[in-house]
């Protein structure tokens, strides 16, 4: 029976930090919060963060994921998106729920899966975050071995690439090595605020197709 009891009422944009939290405590809290929740979690080094995203955050994360899907589609690459699926490993005492994540090279390994076991399944090749990411979130991504992490903050995109277990900032994306994503993605994120999401996505697809010829 769960021994941890938690009652949260977070406003959009709020975050609570709990520490120290054991792996068993994390599992109990996740079970109590339930799967149909609006909160997201990050867990590493005994620190648990529980966050309530802002409405604008939700719009930005959907837009960013759609831009990635267009890139993959135009490049005729297969992928499996797993959204905010909880990525966690007990043996590494880390867990994270990305804004979105993509399996590309290893897409066949997760087809049809609703739950992941990262002791068996590989981590996603690309994870997306669309607000300021905390140290705990970055630690969790590093520990879980996610090769590439995009941090989109307003009109800036930072690409973090895993090298020897640590993230280093890069001006190029290993996933899209022939696309200047640090320049192009923010441009179309901004464009969506000017003309709307659907038109910005259409313009982006036309642009990428022209670049991909």
N, C-alpha and C. Protein backbone atom coordinates (compact mmCIF):
# COMPACT_ATOMS: atom_id res chain seq x y z
N UNK A 1 0.84 -1.19 0.00
CA UNK A 1 0.00 0.00 0.00
C UNK A 1 0.88 1.25 0.00
N UNK A 2 0.45 2.29 -0.73
CA UNK A 2 1.25 3.50 -0.76
C UNK A 2 1.37 4.12 0.62
N UNK A 3 2.55 4.59 0.96
CA UNK A 3 2.77 5.26 2.24
C UNK A 3 2.95 6.75 2.05
N UNK A 4 3.03 7.19 0.80
CA UNK A 4 3.21 8.61 0.51
C UNK A 4 1.88 9.20 0.09
N UNK A 5 1.52 10.31 0.69
CA UNK A 5 0.28 10.97 0.31
C UNK A 5 0.62 12.38 -0.15
N UNK A 6 0.09 12.75 -1.31
CA UNK A 6 0.40 14.06 -1.85
C UNK A 6 -0.86 14.70 -2.39
N UNK A 7 -1.09 15.94 -2.04
CA UNK A 7 -2.24 16.69 -2.53
C UNK A 7 -1.73 17.98 -3.14
N UNK A 8 -1.92 18.12 -4.44
CA UNK A 8 -1.39 19.27 -5.15
C UNK A 8 -2.51 20.05 -5.82
N UNK A 9 -2.36 21.36 -5.78
CA UNK A 9 -3.24 22.22 -6.54
C UNK A 9 -2.38 23.33 -7.11
N UNK A 10 -1.66 23.02 -8.18
CA UNK A 10 -0.75 23.98 -8.78
C UNK A 10 -1.46 24.81 -9.82
N UNK A 11 -1.16 26.11 -9.82
CA UNK A 11 -1.64 26.99 -10.87
C UNK A 11 -0.71 26.86 -12.08
N UNK A 12 -1.22 27.15 -13.29
CA UNK A 12 -0.36 27.09 -14.48
C UNK A 12 0.90 27.92 -14.29
N UNK A 13 2.04 27.30 -14.58
CA UNK A 13 3.31 27.98 -14.43
C UNK A 13 3.99 27.73 -13.10
N UNK A 14 3.30 27.08 -12.16
CA UNK A 14 3.89 26.81 -10.86
C UNK A 14 4.63 25.47 -10.85
N UNK A 15 5.57 25.36 -9.92
CA UNK A 15 6.37 24.15 -9.77
C UNK A 15 6.67 23.93 -8.31
N UNK A 16 6.63 22.67 -7.89
CA UNK A 16 7.05 22.33 -6.53
C UNK A 16 8.24 21.37 -6.63
N UNK A 17 9.14 21.48 -5.66
CA UNK A 17 10.31 20.61 -5.60
C UNK A 17 10.29 19.84 -4.29
N UNK A 18 10.44 18.52 -4.38
CA UNK A 18 10.46 17.66 -3.20
C UNK A 18 11.80 16.95 -3.13
N UNK A 19 12.40 16.93 -1.95
CA UNK A 19 13.66 16.20 -1.77
C UNK A 19 13.90 15.95 -0.29
N UNK A 20 14.57 14.86 0.05
CA UNK A 20 14.93 13.76 -0.86
C UNK A 20 13.72 12.87 -1.11
N UNK A 21 13.65 12.32 -2.31
CA UNK A 21 12.58 11.40 -2.68
C UNK A 21 13.22 10.11 -3.18
N UNK A 22 12.86 8.99 -2.58
CA UNK A 22 13.39 7.70 -3.01
C UNK A 22 12.69 7.25 -4.29
N UNK A 23 13.25 6.22 -4.92
CA UNK A 23 12.59 5.67 -6.11
C UNK A 23 11.20 5.14 -5.76
N UNK A 24 11.09 4.49 -4.61
CA UNK A 24 9.80 3.97 -4.18
C UNK A 24 8.82 5.12 -3.95
N UNK A 25 9.33 6.22 -3.38
CA UNK A 25 8.48 7.39 -3.17
C UNK A 25 8.01 7.99 -4.47
N UNK A 26 8.91 8.03 -5.47
CA UNK A 26 8.53 8.53 -6.80
C UNK A 26 7.41 7.68 -7.38
N UNK A 27 7.56 6.37 -7.33
CA UNK A 27 6.54 5.48 -7.89
C UNK A 27 5.20 5.67 -7.19
N UNK A 28 5.23 5.84 -5.89
CA UNK A 28 3.99 6.05 -5.15
C UNK A 28 3.32 7.37 -5.54
N UNK A 29 4.13 8.42 -5.68
CA UNK A 29 3.60 9.73 -6.05
C UNK A 29 3.01 9.68 -7.46
N UNK A 30 3.70 9.03 -8.39
CA UNK A 30 3.18 8.90 -9.75
C UNK A 30 1.85 8.15 -9.76
N UNK A 31 1.77 7.09 -8.96
CA UNK A 31 0.53 6.32 -8.89
C UNK A 31 -0.61 7.15 -8.31
N UNK A 32 -0.28 7.97 -7.31
CA UNK A 32 -1.32 8.79 -6.68
C UNK A 32 -1.77 9.93 -7.60
N UNK A 33 -0.82 10.51 -8.34
CA UNK A 33 -1.19 11.57 -9.28
C UNK A 33 -2.01 11.01 -10.44
N UNK A 34 -1.76 9.76 -10.82
CA UNK A 34 -2.51 9.13 -11.91
C UNK A 34 -1.94 9.49 -13.27
N UNK A 35 -2.37 8.74 -14.27
CA UNK A 35 -1.87 8.97 -15.63
C UNK A 35 -2.60 10.10 -16.33
N UNK A 36 -3.87 10.33 -16.01
CA UNK A 36 -4.64 11.40 -16.65
C UNK A 36 -4.48 12.69 -15.87
N UNK A 37 -3.31 13.27 -15.96
CA UNK A 37 -3.00 14.48 -15.20
C UNK A 37 -2.37 15.52 -16.10
N UNK A 38 -2.46 16.75 -15.67
CA UNK A 38 -1.86 17.83 -16.45
C UNK A 38 -0.45 18.15 -15.98
N UNK A 39 -0.05 17.63 -14.81
CA UNK A 39 1.27 17.90 -14.27
C UNK A 39 2.34 17.06 -14.98
N UNK A 40 3.55 17.59 -15.03
CA UNK A 40 4.70 16.86 -15.55
C UNK A 40 5.75 16.75 -14.47
N UNK A 41 6.57 15.69 -14.56
CA UNK A 41 7.56 15.46 -13.51
C UNK A 41 8.96 15.38 -14.09
N UNK A 42 9.93 15.67 -13.23
CA UNK A 42 11.34 15.44 -13.53
C UNK A 42 11.97 14.94 -12.25
N UNK A 43 12.80 13.88 -12.38
CA UNK A 43 13.38 13.25 -11.18
C UNK A 43 14.82 12.85 -11.45
N UNK A 44 15.72 13.32 -10.61
CA UNK A 44 17.13 12.93 -10.71
C UNK A 44 17.83 13.29 -9.39
N UNK A 45 18.76 12.44 -8.99
CA UNK A 45 19.59 12.68 -7.80
C UNK A 45 18.74 12.92 -6.56
N UNK A 46 17.61 12.20 -6.47
CA UNK A 46 16.75 12.30 -5.29
C UNK A 46 15.86 13.52 -5.26
N UNK A 47 15.89 14.34 -6.31
CA UNK A 47 15.07 15.55 -6.38
C UNK A 47 13.91 15.31 -7.34
N UNK A 48 12.69 15.59 -6.89
CA UNK A 48 11.50 15.45 -7.72
C UNK A 48 10.87 16.82 -7.93
N UNK A 49 10.69 17.18 -9.19
CA UNK A 49 10.00 18.42 -9.54
C UNK A 49 8.67 18.08 -10.19
N UNK A 50 7.62 18.75 -9.76
CA UNK A 50 6.29 18.58 -10.34
C UNK A 50 5.85 19.94 -10.88
N UNK A 51 5.51 19.99 -12.17
CA UNK A 51 5.27 21.27 -12.84
C UNK A 51 3.89 21.31 -13.48
N UNK A 52 3.28 22.48 -13.46
CA UNK A 52 2.01 22.71 -14.17
C UNK A 52 2.29 23.67 -15.33
N UNK A 53 2.28 23.17 -16.57
CA UNK A 53 2.63 24.03 -17.71
C UNK A 53 1.65 25.17 -17.92
N UNK A 54 2.16 26.26 -18.49
CA UNK A 54 1.32 27.38 -18.89
C UNK A 54 0.59 27.04 -20.19
N UNK A 55 -0.58 27.67 -20.45
CA UNK A 55 -1.30 27.40 -21.71
C UNK A 55 -0.44 27.69 -22.94
N UNK A 56 0.34 28.77 -22.91
CA UNK A 56 1.18 29.10 -24.06
C UNK A 56 2.28 28.05 -24.27
N UNK A 57 2.68 27.41 -23.19
CA UNK A 57 3.64 26.33 -23.29
C UNK A 57 3.06 25.17 -24.10
N UNK A 58 1.79 24.86 -23.86
CA UNK A 58 1.14 23.76 -24.57
C UNK A 58 1.09 24.04 -26.07
N UNK A 59 0.77 25.27 -26.44
CA UNK A 59 0.71 25.62 -27.86
C UNK A 59 2.10 25.54 -28.50
N UNK A 60 3.11 26.03 -27.79
CA UNK A 60 4.47 26.03 -28.33
C UNK A 60 4.99 24.62 -28.53
N UNK A 61 4.69 23.72 -27.58
CA UNK A 61 5.23 22.36 -27.70
C UNK A 61 4.59 21.61 -28.86
N UNK A 62 3.30 21.84 -29.11
CA UNK A 62 2.63 21.20 -30.25
C UNK A 62 3.22 21.72 -31.56
N UNK A 63 3.44 23.03 -31.63
CA UNK A 63 4.00 23.63 -32.83
C UNK A 63 5.40 23.10 -33.11
N UNK A 64 6.24 23.05 -32.08
CA UNK A 64 7.61 22.57 -32.27
C UNK A 64 7.61 21.12 -32.75
N UNK A 65 6.77 20.29 -32.16
CA UNK A 65 6.69 18.90 -32.58
C UNK A 65 6.21 18.78 -34.01
N UNK A 66 5.26 19.62 -34.42
CA UNK A 66 4.77 19.59 -35.80
C UNK A 66 5.86 19.99 -36.79
N UNK A 67 6.69 20.94 -36.41
CA UNK A 67 7.81 21.34 -37.27
C UNK A 67 8.79 20.18 -37.45
N UNK A 68 9.05 19.46 -36.37
CA UNK A 68 9.94 18.30 -36.47
C UNK A 68 9.34 17.23 -37.37
N UNK A 69 8.05 17.01 -37.24
CA UNK A 69 7.38 16.00 -38.08
C UNK A 69 7.45 16.36 -39.56
N UNK A 70 7.34 17.64 -39.86
CA UNK A 70 7.45 18.07 -41.25
C UNK A 70 8.86 17.81 -41.78
N UNK A 71 9.85 18.12 -40.97
CA UNK A 71 11.24 17.84 -41.37
C UNK A 71 11.42 16.35 -41.68
N UNK A 72 10.92 15.50 -40.82
CA UNK A 72 11.05 14.07 -41.02
C UNK A 72 10.27 13.61 -42.26
N UNK A 73 9.08 14.16 -42.43
CA UNK A 73 8.25 13.79 -43.58
C UNK A 73 8.92 14.17 -44.89
N UNK A 74 9.43 15.40 -44.96
CA UNK A 74 10.05 15.88 -46.20
C UNK A 74 11.31 15.07 -46.51
N UNK A 75 12.03 14.68 -45.46
CA UNK A 75 13.23 13.87 -45.66
C UNK A 75 12.93 12.39 -45.84
N UNK A 76 11.62 12.06 -45.87
CA UNK A 76 11.17 10.67 -46.10
C UNK A 76 11.78 9.69 -45.10
N UNK A 77 11.74 10.10 -43.84
CA UNK A 77 12.27 9.26 -42.77
C UNK A 77 11.11 8.75 -41.90
N UNK A 78 11.26 7.54 -41.42
CA UNK A 78 10.25 6.95 -40.53
C UNK A 78 10.52 7.39 -39.09
N UNK A 79 9.46 7.47 -38.31
CA UNK A 79 9.62 7.85 -36.91
C UNK A 79 8.42 7.40 -36.10
N UNK A 80 8.59 7.39 -34.80
CA UNK A 80 7.51 7.15 -33.86
C UNK A 80 7.58 8.24 -32.79
N UNK A 81 6.53 9.07 -32.70
CA UNK A 81 6.50 10.08 -31.64
C UNK A 81 5.86 9.50 -30.39
N UNK A 82 6.46 9.73 -29.23
CA UNK A 82 5.88 9.21 -27.99
C UNK A 82 5.44 10.31 -27.03
N UNK A 83 5.34 11.54 -27.53
CA UNK A 83 4.78 12.62 -26.72
C UNK A 83 5.47 12.76 -25.37
N UNK A 84 4.64 12.92 -24.32
CA UNK A 84 5.17 13.13 -22.97
C UNK A 84 5.24 11.83 -22.18
N UNK A 85 5.45 10.72 -22.87
CA UNK A 85 5.61 9.44 -22.20
C UNK A 85 6.67 9.54 -21.09
N UNK A 86 6.38 8.94 -19.94
CA UNK A 86 7.34 8.97 -18.85
C UNK A 86 8.54 8.09 -19.19
N UNK A 87 9.71 8.70 -19.21
CA UNK A 87 10.97 7.98 -19.43
C UNK A 87 11.64 7.81 -18.07
N UNK A 88 11.87 6.57 -17.65
CA UNK A 88 12.46 6.38 -16.33
C UNK A 88 13.22 5.06 -16.26
N UNK A 89 14.22 5.04 -15.36
CA UNK A 89 14.99 3.84 -15.09
C UNK A 89 15.29 3.76 -13.61
N UNK A 90 14.84 2.69 -13.00
CA UNK A 90 15.06 2.50 -11.56
C UNK A 90 16.54 2.39 -11.24
N UNK A 91 17.29 1.65 -12.09
CA UNK A 91 18.71 1.44 -11.79
C UNK A 91 19.52 2.72 -11.92
N UNK A 92 18.96 3.72 -12.60
CA UNK A 92 19.65 5.00 -12.73
C UNK A 92 18.97 6.10 -11.91
N UNK A 93 17.92 5.72 -11.20
CA UNK A 93 17.14 6.65 -10.36
C UNK A 93 16.88 7.98 -11.06
N UNK A 94 16.31 7.88 -12.25
CA UNK A 94 16.01 9.09 -13.02
C UNK A 94 14.71 8.90 -13.79
N UNK A 95 13.98 9.99 -13.95
CA UNK A 95 12.75 9.96 -14.73
C UNK A 95 12.43 11.34 -15.27
N UNK A 96 11.79 11.40 -16.42
CA UNK A 96 11.46 12.68 -17.05
C UNK A 96 10.27 12.50 -17.97
N UNK A 97 9.49 13.55 -18.12
CA UNK A 97 8.39 13.56 -19.08
C UNK A 97 8.63 14.73 -20.03
N UNK A 98 9.15 14.45 -21.23
CA UNK A 98 9.45 15.54 -22.18
C UNK A 98 8.19 16.16 -22.73
N UNK A 99 8.33 17.34 -23.32
CA UNK A 99 7.21 17.91 -24.06
C UNK A 99 6.83 16.99 -25.21
N UNK A 100 7.84 16.47 -25.88
CA UNK A 100 7.64 15.48 -26.93
C UNK A 100 8.97 14.77 -27.14
N UNK A 101 8.90 13.58 -27.70
CA UNK A 101 10.13 12.86 -28.01
C UNK A 101 9.92 11.99 -29.23
N UNK A 102 11.01 11.71 -29.93
CA UNK A 102 10.93 11.00 -31.20
C UNK A 102 11.94 9.87 -31.26
N UNK A 103 11.43 8.72 -31.67
CA UNK A 103 12.28 7.59 -32.05
C UNK A 103 12.41 7.62 -33.56
N UNK A 104 13.63 7.65 -34.05
CA UNK A 104 13.86 7.78 -35.50
C UNK A 104 14.66 6.57 -35.99
N UNK A 105 15.92 6.50 -35.66
CA UNK A 105 16.71 5.32 -36.05
C UNK A 105 16.15 4.05 -35.42
N UNK A 106 15.66 4.17 -34.19
CA UNK A 106 15.15 3.01 -33.45
C UNK A 106 13.63 2.95 -33.42
N UNK A 107 12.99 3.54 -34.42
CA UNK A 107 11.52 3.64 -34.38
C UNK A 107 10.84 2.26 -34.32
N UNK A 108 11.43 1.27 -34.96
CA UNK A 108 10.81 -0.07 -34.99
C UNK A 108 10.74 -0.69 -33.59
N UNK A 109 11.65 -0.28 -32.71
CA UNK A 109 11.72 -0.86 -31.37
C UNK A 109 10.53 -0.47 -30.50
N UNK A 110 9.82 0.61 -30.86
CA UNK A 110 8.75 1.09 -29.99
C UNK A 110 7.39 1.12 -30.68
N UNK A 111 7.29 0.59 -31.88
CA UNK A 111 6.00 0.57 -32.57
C UNK A 111 4.99 -0.20 -31.73
N UNK A 112 3.85 0.43 -31.49
CA UNK A 112 2.76 -0.20 -30.73
C UNK A 112 2.92 -0.17 -29.23
N UNK A 113 4.00 0.40 -28.72
CA UNK A 113 4.22 0.41 -27.27
C UNK A 113 3.63 1.66 -26.62
N UNK A 114 2.87 1.45 -25.55
CA UNK A 114 2.34 2.56 -24.77
C UNK A 114 3.19 2.82 -23.53
N UNK A 115 3.96 1.83 -23.14
CA UNK A 115 4.85 1.96 -21.98
C UNK A 115 6.26 1.53 -22.39
N UNK A 116 7.23 2.22 -21.84
CA UNK A 116 8.62 1.92 -22.17
C UNK A 116 9.34 1.32 -20.97
N UNK A 117 10.24 0.43 -21.25
CA UNK A 117 11.15 -0.10 -20.24
C UNK A 117 12.56 0.21 -20.73
N UNK A 118 13.14 1.28 -20.20
CA UNK A 118 14.44 1.73 -20.70
C UNK A 118 15.60 0.83 -20.29
N UNK A 119 15.32 -0.22 -19.52
CA UNK A 119 16.36 -1.22 -19.31
C UNK A 119 16.44 -2.14 -20.53
N UNK A 120 15.41 -2.12 -21.35
CA UNK A 120 15.36 -2.93 -22.57
C UNK A 120 15.27 -2.05 -23.81
N UNK A 121 14.34 -1.06 -23.77
CA UNK A 121 14.13 -0.17 -24.90
C UNK A 121 15.20 0.92 -24.92
N UNK A 122 15.62 1.36 -26.11
CA UNK A 122 16.54 2.49 -26.18
C UNK A 122 15.82 3.79 -25.82
N UNK A 123 16.56 4.82 -25.40
CA UNK A 123 15.91 6.13 -25.19
C UNK A 123 15.59 6.75 -26.54
N UNK A 124 14.68 7.72 -26.59
CA UNK A 124 14.41 8.40 -27.85
C UNK A 124 15.64 9.15 -28.32
N UNK A 125 15.80 9.26 -29.65
CA UNK A 125 16.96 9.98 -30.19
C UNK A 125 16.84 11.49 -30.00
N UNK A 126 15.61 11.98 -29.98
CA UNK A 126 15.39 13.43 -29.89
C UNK A 126 14.27 13.73 -28.90
N UNK A 127 14.55 14.65 -27.96
CA UNK A 127 13.54 15.12 -27.01
C UNK A 127 13.40 16.63 -27.15
N UNK A 128 12.19 17.13 -26.91
CA UNK A 128 11.89 18.55 -27.06
C UNK A 128 11.40 19.14 -25.75
N UNK A 129 11.88 20.33 -25.44
CA UNK A 129 11.37 21.11 -24.30
C UNK A 129 11.16 22.54 -24.77
N UNK A 130 10.05 23.14 -24.35
CA UNK A 130 9.72 24.47 -24.85
C UNK A 130 9.59 25.53 -23.76
N UNK A 131 10.25 25.30 -22.65
CA UNK A 131 10.37 26.37 -21.67
C UNK A 131 11.70 26.21 -20.97
N UNK A 132 11.99 27.07 -20.01
CA UNK A 132 13.27 27.01 -19.32
C UNK A 132 13.37 25.69 -18.58
N UNK A 133 14.38 24.93 -18.90
CA UNK A 133 14.55 23.61 -18.31
C UNK A 133 15.45 23.69 -17.09
N UNK A 134 15.03 23.05 -15.99
CA UNK A 134 15.78 23.11 -14.74
C UNK A 134 16.98 22.17 -14.77
N UNK A 135 17.85 22.32 -13.80
CA UNK A 135 19.01 21.43 -13.67
C UNK A 135 18.55 19.99 -13.46
N UNK A 136 17.49 19.79 -12.71
CA UNK A 136 16.99 18.44 -12.48
C UNK A 136 16.54 17.80 -13.78
N UNK A 137 15.86 18.55 -14.64
CA UNK A 137 15.43 18.00 -15.93
C UNK A 137 16.64 17.64 -16.80
N UNK A 138 17.60 18.54 -16.88
CA UNK A 138 18.80 18.25 -17.67
C UNK A 138 19.54 17.03 -17.13
N UNK A 139 19.64 16.92 -15.80
CA UNK A 139 20.30 15.76 -15.19
C UNK A 139 19.59 14.48 -15.58
N UNK A 140 18.24 14.50 -15.57
CA UNK A 140 17.47 13.31 -15.90
C UNK A 140 17.71 12.89 -17.35
N UNK A 141 17.69 13.85 -18.27
CA UNK A 141 17.95 13.53 -19.68
C UNK A 141 19.34 12.95 -19.86
N UNK A 142 20.32 13.53 -19.19
CA UNK A 142 21.70 13.04 -19.29
C UNK A 142 21.81 11.61 -18.78
N UNK A 143 21.26 11.37 -17.59
CA UNK A 143 21.35 10.05 -16.97
C UNK A 143 20.67 8.99 -17.84
N UNK A 144 19.55 9.34 -18.44
CA UNK A 144 18.80 8.39 -19.27
C UNK A 144 19.42 8.21 -20.65
N UNK A 145 20.38 9.05 -20.99
CA UNK A 145 21.13 8.88 -22.23
C UNK A 145 20.39 9.30 -23.48
N UNK A 146 19.55 10.34 -23.38
CA UNK A 146 18.87 10.87 -24.57
C UNK A 146 19.91 11.61 -25.42
N UNK A 147 20.17 11.16 -26.65
CA UNK A 147 21.29 11.71 -27.43
C UNK A 147 21.18 13.19 -27.78
N UNK A 148 19.94 13.67 -28.01
CA UNK A 148 19.78 15.06 -28.46
C UNK A 148 18.56 15.69 -27.80
N UNK A 149 18.76 16.88 -27.25
CA UNK A 149 17.70 17.59 -26.55
C UNK A 149 17.60 19.01 -27.08
N UNK A 150 16.41 19.37 -27.57
CA UNK A 150 16.16 20.74 -28.03
C UNK A 150 15.48 21.53 -26.93
N UNK A 151 16.02 22.70 -26.63
CA UNK A 151 15.41 23.62 -25.67
C UNK A 151 14.99 24.87 -26.42
N UNK A 152 13.69 25.05 -26.55
CA UNK A 152 13.16 26.21 -27.27
C UNK A 152 12.58 27.18 -26.26
N UNK A 153 13.23 28.33 -26.12
CA UNK A 153 12.81 29.35 -25.16
C UNK A 153 12.51 30.63 -25.91
N UNK A 154 11.22 30.92 -26.07
CA UNK A 154 10.84 32.10 -26.82
C UNK A 154 11.28 31.98 -28.27
N UNK A 155 12.18 32.87 -28.69
CA UNK A 155 12.65 32.86 -30.08
C UNK A 155 14.06 32.26 -30.19
N UNK A 156 14.47 31.52 -29.18
CA UNK A 156 15.79 30.90 -29.21
C UNK A 156 15.68 29.39 -29.15
N UNK A 157 16.51 28.71 -29.91
CA UNK A 157 16.59 27.25 -29.87
C UNK A 157 18.01 26.86 -29.53
N UNK A 158 18.14 26.07 -28.48
CA UNK A 158 19.45 25.53 -28.10
C UNK A 158 19.44 24.03 -28.30
N UNK A 159 20.47 23.53 -28.95
CA UNK A 159 20.61 22.11 -29.19
C UNK A 159 21.66 21.57 -28.25
N UNK A 160 21.27 20.59 -27.43
CA UNK A 160 22.20 19.92 -26.54
C UNK A 160 22.45 18.51 -27.06
N UNK A 161 23.72 18.18 -27.25
CA UNK A 161 24.11 16.88 -27.78
C UNK A 161 24.91 16.14 -26.70
N UNK A 162 24.55 14.88 -26.49
CA UNK A 162 25.22 14.09 -25.45
C UNK A 162 26.58 13.61 -25.91
N UNK A 163 27.61 13.97 -25.16
CA UNK A 163 28.97 13.55 -25.44
C UNK A 163 29.60 13.02 -24.15
N UNK A 164 29.91 11.74 -24.13
CA UNK A 164 30.52 11.10 -22.96
C UNK A 164 29.71 11.36 -21.69
N UNK A 165 28.38 11.23 -21.84
CA UNK A 165 27.48 11.33 -20.69
C UNK A 165 27.11 12.73 -20.26
N UNK A 166 27.60 13.76 -20.98
CA UNK A 166 27.28 15.14 -20.63
C UNK A 166 26.80 15.88 -21.87
N UNK A 167 25.88 16.84 -21.66
CA UNK A 167 25.40 17.64 -22.78
C UNK A 167 26.36 18.78 -23.08
N UNK A 168 26.59 18.96 -24.37
CA UNK A 168 27.31 20.14 -24.83
C UNK A 168 26.41 20.85 -25.83
N UNK A 169 26.45 22.18 -25.81
CA UNK A 169 25.61 22.93 -26.75
C UNK A 169 26.22 22.89 -28.14
N UNK A 170 25.37 22.71 -29.14
CA UNK A 170 25.83 22.58 -30.52
C UNK A 170 25.04 23.51 -31.42
N UNK A 171 25.69 23.99 -32.47
CA UNK A 171 25.00 24.82 -33.46
C UNK A 171 24.37 23.98 -34.55
N UNK A 172 24.63 22.68 -34.55
CA UNK A 172 24.04 21.79 -35.54
C UNK A 172 23.35 20.62 -34.85
N UNK A 173 22.36 20.08 -35.52
CA UNK A 173 21.60 18.95 -35.00
C UNK A 173 22.09 17.65 -35.64
N UNK A 174 22.53 16.68 -34.86
CA UNK A 174 22.88 15.39 -35.44
C UNK A 174 21.71 14.73 -36.16
N UNK A 175 20.50 14.98 -35.70
CA UNK A 175 19.32 14.39 -36.32
C UNK A 175 19.04 15.00 -37.68
N UNK A 176 19.28 16.32 -37.80
CA UNK A 176 19.04 17.03 -39.06
C UNK A 176 20.32 17.80 -39.43
N UNK A 177 21.35 17.07 -39.74
CA UNK A 177 22.67 17.67 -39.92
C UNK A 177 22.75 18.62 -41.12
N UNK A 178 21.84 18.45 -42.07
CA UNK A 178 21.87 19.30 -43.27
C UNK A 178 20.88 20.46 -43.21
N UNK A 179 20.31 20.72 -42.04
CA UNK A 179 19.33 21.80 -41.87
C UNK A 179 19.80 22.73 -40.75
N UNK A 180 19.77 24.02 -41.00
CA UNK A 180 20.18 25.01 -39.99
C UNK A 180 19.02 25.25 -39.02
N UNK A 181 18.71 24.24 -38.21
CA UNK A 181 17.51 24.31 -37.37
C UNK A 181 17.57 25.42 -36.32
N UNK A 182 18.77 25.77 -35.84
CA UNK A 182 18.85 26.83 -34.81
C UNK A 182 18.42 28.18 -35.36
N UNK A 183 18.46 28.34 -36.68
CA UNK A 183 17.99 29.57 -37.31
C UNK A 183 16.56 29.43 -37.81
N UNK A 184 16.27 28.29 -38.42
CA UNK A 184 14.99 28.13 -39.12
C UNK A 184 13.82 27.89 -38.16
N UNK A 185 14.00 27.03 -37.17
CA UNK A 185 12.90 26.71 -36.26
C UNK A 185 12.38 27.95 -35.52
N UNK A 186 13.26 28.77 -34.90
CA UNK A 186 12.76 29.97 -34.23
C UNK A 186 12.04 30.92 -35.18
N UNK A 187 12.52 30.99 -36.43
CA UNK A 187 11.88 31.88 -37.40
C UNK A 187 10.43 31.49 -37.63
N UNK A 188 10.17 30.20 -37.72
CA UNK A 188 8.80 29.76 -37.99
C UNK A 188 7.96 29.68 -36.71
N UNK A 189 8.59 29.54 -35.56
CA UNK A 189 7.86 29.66 -34.30
C UNK A 189 7.33 31.09 -34.16
N UNK A 190 8.17 32.06 -34.53
CA UNK A 190 7.75 33.45 -34.51
C UNK A 190 6.69 33.72 -35.58
N UNK A 191 6.87 33.13 -36.74
CA UNK A 191 5.92 33.32 -37.84
C UNK A 191 4.52 32.85 -37.45
N UNK A 192 4.43 31.78 -36.66
CA UNK A 192 3.13 31.26 -36.22
C UNK A 192 2.37 32.29 -35.38
N UNK A 193 3.09 33.14 -34.66
CA UNK A 193 2.43 34.18 -33.86
C UNK A 193 1.90 35.30 -34.74
N UNK A 194 2.44 35.42 -35.96
CA UNK A 194 2.04 36.49 -36.87
C UNK A 194 0.88 36.09 -37.78
N UNK A 195 0.93 34.83 -38.28
CA UNK A 195 -0.06 34.42 -39.28
C UNK A 195 -0.89 33.23 -38.84
N UNK A 196 -0.62 32.68 -37.69
CA UNK A 196 -1.33 31.51 -37.22
C UNK A 196 -0.54 30.24 -37.48
N UNK A 197 -0.87 29.21 -36.73
CA UNK A 197 -0.11 27.96 -36.77
C UNK A 197 -0.22 27.26 -38.12
N UNK A 198 -1.44 27.12 -38.63
CA UNK A 198 -1.63 26.34 -39.86
C UNK A 198 -0.88 26.95 -41.04
N UNK A 199 -0.95 28.28 -41.17
CA UNK A 199 -0.25 28.91 -42.29
C UNK A 199 1.27 28.81 -42.11
N UNK A 200 1.73 28.98 -40.88
CA UNK A 200 3.18 28.89 -40.63
C UNK A 200 3.69 27.49 -40.95
N UNK A 201 2.92 26.47 -40.63
CA UNK A 201 3.32 25.10 -40.94
C UNK A 201 3.34 24.86 -42.45
N UNK A 202 2.36 25.40 -43.15
CA UNK A 202 2.34 25.28 -44.61
C UNK A 202 3.57 25.95 -45.22
N UNK A 203 3.88 27.16 -44.75
CA UNK A 203 5.04 27.88 -45.26
C UNK A 203 6.33 27.14 -44.94
N UNK A 204 6.39 26.54 -43.76
CA UNK A 204 7.57 25.79 -43.37
C UNK A 204 7.78 24.58 -44.28
N UNK A 205 6.71 23.88 -44.59
CA UNK A 205 6.83 22.70 -45.45
C UNK A 205 7.30 23.08 -46.85
N UNK A 206 6.76 24.19 -47.38
CA UNK A 206 7.20 24.67 -48.69
C UNK A 206 8.68 25.02 -48.65
N UNK A 207 9.09 25.70 -47.58
CA UNK A 207 10.48 26.12 -47.44
C UNK A 207 11.42 24.92 -47.36
N UNK A 208 11.06 23.94 -46.54
CA UNK A 208 11.92 22.77 -46.35
C UNK A 208 11.99 21.93 -47.62
N UNK A 209 10.89 21.81 -48.34
CA UNK A 209 10.92 21.07 -49.61
C UNK A 209 11.86 21.74 -50.61
N UNK A 210 11.84 23.06 -50.64
CA UNK A 210 12.73 23.79 -51.55
C UNK A 210 14.19 23.58 -51.14
N UNK A 211 14.45 23.59 -49.84
CA UNK A 211 15.82 23.40 -49.35
C UNK A 211 16.30 21.98 -49.56
N UNK A 212 15.35 21.04 -49.62
CA UNK A 212 15.70 19.62 -49.68
C UNK A 212 15.89 19.11 -51.11
N UNK A 213 15.69 19.97 -52.09
CA UNK A 213 15.84 19.56 -53.50
C UNK A 213 17.30 19.32 -53.85
